[in-house]
Structures are given as structure tokens and as C-alpha cells.
C-alpha atoms as a PDB file:
ATOM      1  CA  UNK A   1      20.924 -22.448 -16.058  1.00  0.00           C
ATOM      2  CA  UNK A   2      20.049 -21.838 -12.400  1.00  0.00           C
ATOM      3  CA  UNK A   3      22.697 -19.111 -12.162  1.00  0.00           C
ATOM      4  CA  UNK A   4      21.167 -17.351 -15.173  1.00  0.00           C
ATOM      5  CA  UNK A   5      17.731 -17.470 -13.513  1.00  0.00           C
ATOM      6  CA  UNK A   6      19.148 -16.077 -10.279  1.00  0.00           C
ATOM      7  CA  UNK A   7      20.941 -13.258 -12.103  1.00  0.00           C
ATOM      8  CA  UNK A   8      17.772 -12.395 -13.987  1.00  0.00           C
ATOM      9  CA  UNK A   9      15.723 -12.497 -10.766  1.00  0.00           C
ATOM     10  CA  UNK A  10      18.158 -10.127  -9.024  1.00  0.00           C
ATOM     11  CA  UNK A  11      18.412  -7.736 -11.978  1.00  0.00           C
ATOM     12  CA  UNK A  12      16.905  -4.373 -11.221  1.00  0.00           C
ATOM     13  CA  UNK A  13      14.493  -3.252 -13.947  1.00  0.00           C
ATOM     14  CA  UNK A  14      15.765  -0.539 -16.275  1.00  0.00           C
ATOM     15  CA  UNK A  15      15.012   3.120 -15.439  1.00  0.00           C
ATOM     16  CA  UNK A  16      12.375   3.209 -18.202  1.00  0.00           C
ATOM     17  CA  UNK A  17      10.675   0.078 -16.818  1.00  0.00           C
ATOM     18  CA  UNK A  18      10.721   1.506 -13.309  1.00  0.00           C
ATOM     19  CA  UNK A  19       9.309   4.870 -14.455  1.00  0.00           C
ATOM     20  CA  UNK A  20       6.506   3.106 -16.291  1.00  0.00           C
ATOM     21  CA  UNK A  21       5.689   1.177 -13.124  1.00  0.00           C
ATOM     22  CA  UNK A  22       5.685   4.348 -11.030  1.00  0.00           C
ATOM     23  CA  UNK A  23       3.464   6.142 -13.548  1.00  0.00           C
ATOM     24  CA  UNK A  24       0.998   3.244 -13.587  1.00  0.00           C
ATOM     25  CA  UNK A  25       0.968   3.256  -9.763  1.00  0.00           C
ATOM     26  CA  UNK A  26       0.190   6.997  -9.732  1.00  0.00           C
ATOM     27  CA  UNK A  27      -2.706   6.543 -12.170  1.00  0.00           C
ATOM     28  CA  UNK A  28      -4.124   3.504 -10.351  1.00  0.00           C
ATOM     29  CA  UNK A  29      -3.943   5.225  -6.976  1.00  0.00           C
ATOM     30  CA  UNK A  30      -5.544   8.388  -8.397  1.00  0.00           C
ATOM     31  CA  UNK A  31      -8.434   6.300  -9.755  1.00  0.00           C
ATOM     32  CA  UNK A  32      -8.721   4.514  -6.400  1.00  0.00           C
ATOM     33  CA  UNK A  33      -8.790   7.889  -4.624  1.00  0.00           C
ATOM     34  CA  UNK A  34     -11.640   9.069  -6.858  1.00  0.00           C
ATOM     35  CA  UNK A  35     -13.618   5.836  -6.418  1.00  0.00           C
ATOM     36  CA  UNK A  36     -13.039   5.731  -2.648  1.00  0.00           C
ATOM     37  CA  UNK A  37     -14.453   9.239  -2.352  1.00  0.00           C
ATOM     38  CA  UNK A  38     -17.572   8.362  -4.393  1.00  0.00           C
ATOM     39  CA  UNK A  39     -18.624   5.110  -2.738  1.00  0.00           C
ATOM     40  CA  UNK A  40     -21.068   6.621  -0.241  1.00  0.00           C
ATOM     41  CA  UNK A  41     -22.583   8.853  -2.908  1.00  0.00           C
ATOM     42  CA  UNK A  42     -22.979   5.851  -5.207  1.00  0.00           C
ATOM     43  CA  UNK A  43     -24.448   3.860  -2.294  1.00  0.00           C
ATOM     44  CA  UNK A  44     -22.229   0.980  -3.277  1.00  0.00           C
ATOM     45  CA  UNK A  45     -21.281  -1.604  -2.141  1.00  0.00           C
ATOM     46  CA  UNK A  46     -24.386  -2.398  -0.149  1.00  0.00           C
ATOM     47  CA  UNK A  47     -22.464  -3.585   2.931  1.00  0.00           C
ATOM     48  CA  UNK A  48     -20.665  -0.239   3.363  1.00  0.00           C
ATOM     49  CA  UNK A  49     -22.153   1.883   6.142  1.00  0.00           C
ATOM     50  CA  UNK A  50     -22.167   5.653   6.646  1.00  0.00           C
ATOM     51  CA  UNK A  51     -19.350   5.127   9.175  1.00  0.00           C
ATOM     52  CA  UNK A  52     -17.085   4.808   6.140  1.00  0.00           C
ATOM     53  CA  UNK A  53     -16.994   8.621   6.193  1.00  0.00           C
ATOM     54  CA  UNK A  54     -14.948   8.353   9.426  1.00  0.00           C
ATOM     55  CA  UNK A  55     -12.320   6.233   7.657  1.00  0.00           C
ATOM     56  CA  UNK A  56     -12.331   8.089   4.340  1.00  0.00           C
ATOM     57  CA  UNK A  57      -9.929  10.915   5.334  1.00  0.00           C
ATOM     58  CA  UNK A  58      -7.367   8.333   6.469  1.00  0.00           C
ATOM     59  CA  UNK A  59      -7.830   6.262   3.328  1.00  0.00           C
ATOM     60  CA  UNK A  60      -7.564   9.370   1.144  1.00  0.00           C
ATOM     61  CA  UNK A  61      -4.383  10.477   2.936  1.00  0.00           C
ATOM     62  CA  UNK A  62      -2.836   7.061   2.406  1.00  0.00           C
ATOM     63  CA  UNK A  63      -3.657   7.078  -1.301  1.00  0.00           C
ATOM     64  CA  UNK A  64      -2.334  10.629  -1.668  1.00  0.00           C
ATOM     65  CA  UNK A  65       0.917   9.572   0.039  1.00  0.00           C
ATOM     66  CA  UNK A  66       1.193   6.706  -2.462  1.00  0.00           C
ATOM     67  CA  UNK A  67       0.648   9.110  -5.360  1.00  0.00           C
ATOM     68  CA  UNK A  68       3.257  11.553  -4.029  1.00  0.00           C
ATOM     69  CA  UNK A  69       5.834   8.853  -3.254  1.00  0.00           C
ATOM     70  CA  UNK A  70       5.469   7.223  -6.676  1.00  0.00           C
ATOM     71  CA  UNK A  71       5.577  10.667  -8.273  1.00  0.00           C
ATOM     72  CA  UNK A  72       8.873  11.316  -6.494  1.00  0.00           C
ATOM     73  CA  UNK A  73      10.205   7.973  -7.720  1.00  0.00           C
ATOM     74  CA  UNK A  74       9.620   9.156 -11.277  1.00  0.00           C
ATOM     75  CA  UNK A  75      12.401  11.692 -10.755  1.00  0.00           C
ATOM     76  CA  UNK A  76      14.553  10.016  -8.110  1.00  0.00           C
ATOM     77  CA  UNK A  77      14.612   6.315  -7.269  1.00  0.00           C
ATOM     78  CA  UNK A  78      17.850   5.045  -5.753  1.00  0.00           C
ATOM     79  CA  UNK A  79      17.262   1.893  -3.664  1.00  0.00           C
ATOM     80  CA  UNK A  80      17.661   3.672  -0.310  1.00  0.00           C
ATOM     81  CA  UNK A  81      15.047   6.275  -1.291  1.00  0.00           C
ATOM     82  CA  UNK A  82      12.650   3.578  -2.443  1.00  0.00           C
ATOM     83  CA  UNK A  83      13.016   1.810   0.913  1.00  0.00           C
ATOM     84  CA  UNK A  84      12.297   5.024   2.810  1.00  0.00           C
ATOM     85  CA  UNK A  85       9.293   5.724   0.571  1.00  0.00           C
ATOM     86  CA  UNK A  86       7.985   2.190   1.057  1.00  0.00           C
ATOM     87  CA  UNK A  87       8.313   2.553   4.827  1.00  0.00           C
ATOM     88  CA  UNK A  88       6.310   5.793   4.725  1.00  0.00           C
ATOM     89  CA  UNK A  89       3.612   4.124   2.634  1.00  0.00           C
ATOM     90  CA  UNK A  90       3.585   1.127   4.992  1.00  0.00           C
ATOM     91  CA  UNK A  91       3.043   3.333   8.042  1.00  0.00           C
ATOM     92  CA  UNK A  92       0.034   4.959   6.378  1.00  0.00           C
ATOM     93  CA  UNK A  93      -1.288   1.560   5.298  1.00  0.00           C
ATOM     94  CA  UNK A  94      -1.179   0.191   8.845  1.00  0.00           C
ATOM     95  CA  UNK A  95      -2.837   3.321  10.256  1.00  0.00           C
ATOM     96  CA  UNK A  96      -5.665   3.082   7.701  1.00  0.00           C
ATOM     97  CA  UNK A  97      -6.153  -0.635   8.291  1.00  0.00           C
ATOM     98  CA  UNK A  98      -6.238  -0.181  12.077  1.00  0.00           C
ATOM     99  CA  UNK A  99      -8.773   2.609  11.556  1.00  0.00           C
ATOM    100  CA  UNK A 100     -10.921   0.269   9.449  1.00  0.00           C
ATOM    101  CA  UNK A 101     -10.813  -2.246  12.317  1.00  0.00           C
ATOM    102  CA  UNK A 102     -11.757   0.418  14.879  1.00  0.00           C
ATOM    103  CA  UNK A 103     -14.623   1.924  12.908  1.00  0.00           C
ATOM    104  CA  UNK A 104     -15.545  -1.240  10.971  1.00  0.00           C
ATOM    105  CA  UNK A 105     -17.821   0.443   8.406  1.00  0.00           C
ATOM    106  CA  UNK A 106     -19.240  -2.848   7.151  1.00  0.00           C
ATOM    107  CA  UNK A 107     -22.662  -4.354   7.744  1.00  0.00           C
ATOM    108  CA  UNK A 108     -23.603  -7.785   6.450  1.00  0.00           C
ATOM    109  CA  UNK A 109     -27.001  -8.023   8.183  1.00  0.00           C
ATOM    110  CA  UNK A 110     -28.908  -8.285   4.904  1.00  0.00           C
ATOM    111  CA  UNK A 111     -26.589 -10.963   3.570  1.00  0.00           C
ATOM    112  CA  UNK A 112     -27.189 -14.698   3.955  1.00  0.00           C
ATOM    113  CA  UNK A 113     -23.801 -15.020   5.660  1.00  0.00           C
ATOM    114  CA  UNK A 114     -22.238 -12.605   8.112  1.00  0.00           C
ATOM    115  CA  UNK A 115     -18.842 -11.967   6.518  1.00  0.00           C
ATOM    116  CA  UNK A 116     -17.672  -9.666   9.324  1.00  0.00           C
ATOM    117  CA  UNK A 117     -15.313 -12.264  10.739  1.00  0.00           C
ATOM    118  CA  UNK A 118     -13.668 -12.760   7.340  1.00  0.00           C
ATOM    119  CA  UNK A 119     -13.227  -9.019   6.778  1.00  0.00           C
ATOM    120  CA  UNK A 120     -11.616  -8.730  10.209  1.00  0.00           C
ATOM    121  CA  UNK A 121      -9.263 -11.628   9.435  1.00  0.00           C
ATOM    122  CA  UNK A 122      -8.307 -10.026   6.095  1.00  0.00           C
ATOM    123  CA  UNK A 123      -7.624  -6.696   7.819  1.00  0.00           C
ATOM    124  CA  UNK A 124      -5.423  -8.399  10.433  1.00  0.00           C
ATOM    125  CA  UNK A 125      -3.563 -10.355   7.749  1.00  0.00           C
ATOM    126  CA  UNK A 126      -2.969  -7.048   5.939  1.00  0.00           C
ATOM    127  CA  UNK A 127      -1.560  -5.471   9.111  1.00  0.00           C
ATOM    128  CA  UNK A 128       0.736  -8.441   9.704  1.00  0.00           C
ATOM    129  CA  UNK A 129       1.842  -8.505   6.063  1.00  0.00           C
ATOM    130  CA  UNK A 130       2.613  -4.792   5.961  1.00  0.00           C
ATOM    131  CA  UNK A 131       4.473  -5.055   9.276  1.00  0.00           C
ATOM    132  CA  UNK A 132       6.608  -7.884   7.888  1.00  0.00           C
ATOM    133  CA  UNK A 133       7.183  -5.819   4.744  1.00  0.00           C
ATOM    134  CA  UNK A 134       8.322  -2.925   6.914  1.00  0.00           C
ATOM    135  CA  UNK A 135      10.820  -5.136   8.716  1.00  0.00           C
ATOM    136  CA  UNK A 136      12.150  -6.287   5.341  1.00  0.00           C
ATOM    137  CA  UNK A 137      12.481  -2.653   4.176  1.00  0.00           C
ATOM    138  CA  UNK A 138      14.294  -1.693   7.380  1.00  0.00           C
ATOM    139  CA  UNK A 139      16.654  -4.620   6.840  1.00  0.00           C
ATOM    140  CA  UNK A 140      17.208  -3.574   3.212  1.00  0.00           C
ATOM    141  CA  UNK A 141      17.864  -0.001   4.307  1.00  0.00           C
ATOM    142  CA  UNK A 142      20.375  -1.191   6.915  1.00  0.00           C
ATOM    143  CA  UNK A 143      22.179  -3.339   4.303  1.00  0.00           C
ATOM    144  CA  UNK A 144      22.272  -0.421   1.878  1.00  0.00           C
ATOM    145  CA  UNK A 145      23.605   1.837   4.624  1.00  0.00           C
ATOM    146  CA  UNK A 146      26.235  -0.723   5.624  1.00  0.00           C
ATOM    147  CA  UNK A 147      27.274  -1.083   1.977  1.00  0.00           C
ATOM    148  CA  UNK A 148      27.574   2.684   1.626  1.00  0.00           C
ATOM    149  CA  UNK A 149      29.761   2.834   4.738  1.00  0.00           C
ATOM    150  CA  UNK A 150      32.278   0.401   3.248  1.00  0.00           C
ATOM    151  CA  UNK A 151      33.059   2.708   0.345  1.00  0.00           C
END
């Protein structure tokens, strides 16, 4: 029973399942790109300041990279390529998150509680998580490369 669960957990989804996932990712990121670029015009959420405009190009670039990478996966998705693509996306994610910390386009003055500390903690957790994910991808890429060298 446990062996069957492990085999199922290690099974790579079928090409059709993977393509569906990539297509959904492209659509979601395209919607996020549109929304991200409308937030200041919509004047929402209320805690977002005009300084968000300084972060927006970085955020847009990161979302565009995600769209392009997932679009490429639709046509070509061997494990090594996915690891490289994930590393590229991770680099952009860290840059955007660091930029959010530097600019910090959030203002909770009108709120009953100043949530700035929590937003900063979440941003730092994101940076740490993406960094760990990058180390995992580098390790995966090294294993894939080592496996290819044995052939």
C-alpha cells in the first residue's frame, strides 16, 4: 500500500495534464498582470500608496516572465528545462519582493492596527521560501545533469 502511494506521488503528470497546468498558469498570470496595472487607477486597496508605481515595472516584468516561461513549457517541458525556467522565475520573484521591501508602498495609518510589520514579515518569508526553492531547483538540476552524464 505504501509503495503504491509513493509510486503515485513520484509519478510525473501526463503531458496533457502538464499542458493544462501551464495554460492555466498563463491565464492566471495574465489576469494578475492586468489587475496589478489597474490597482492605482482603481484606488484599491486603500493601503496601497502611489509609491506602488515604483514597484509596478518590476512586478509586471516578473509576471511577464512567468507568462513566457509557462508558454514555453506548453511546447517544451523536459525536467531540466522546467528547473531552469523555475530558477529564472525565482530570480525575478526575489528581485520584486526585495523591491517591495525597499519601496514599501503600503500605508496602514488609517487602519486600527498598523499591519506594516506583518507585511514585512510576509515579504521576508517569501524571500526565504523562494531562496530555498531555488536551492532545491539547483539540486534537482545537478541530479538531472549527473544522471545525463551516466548515459
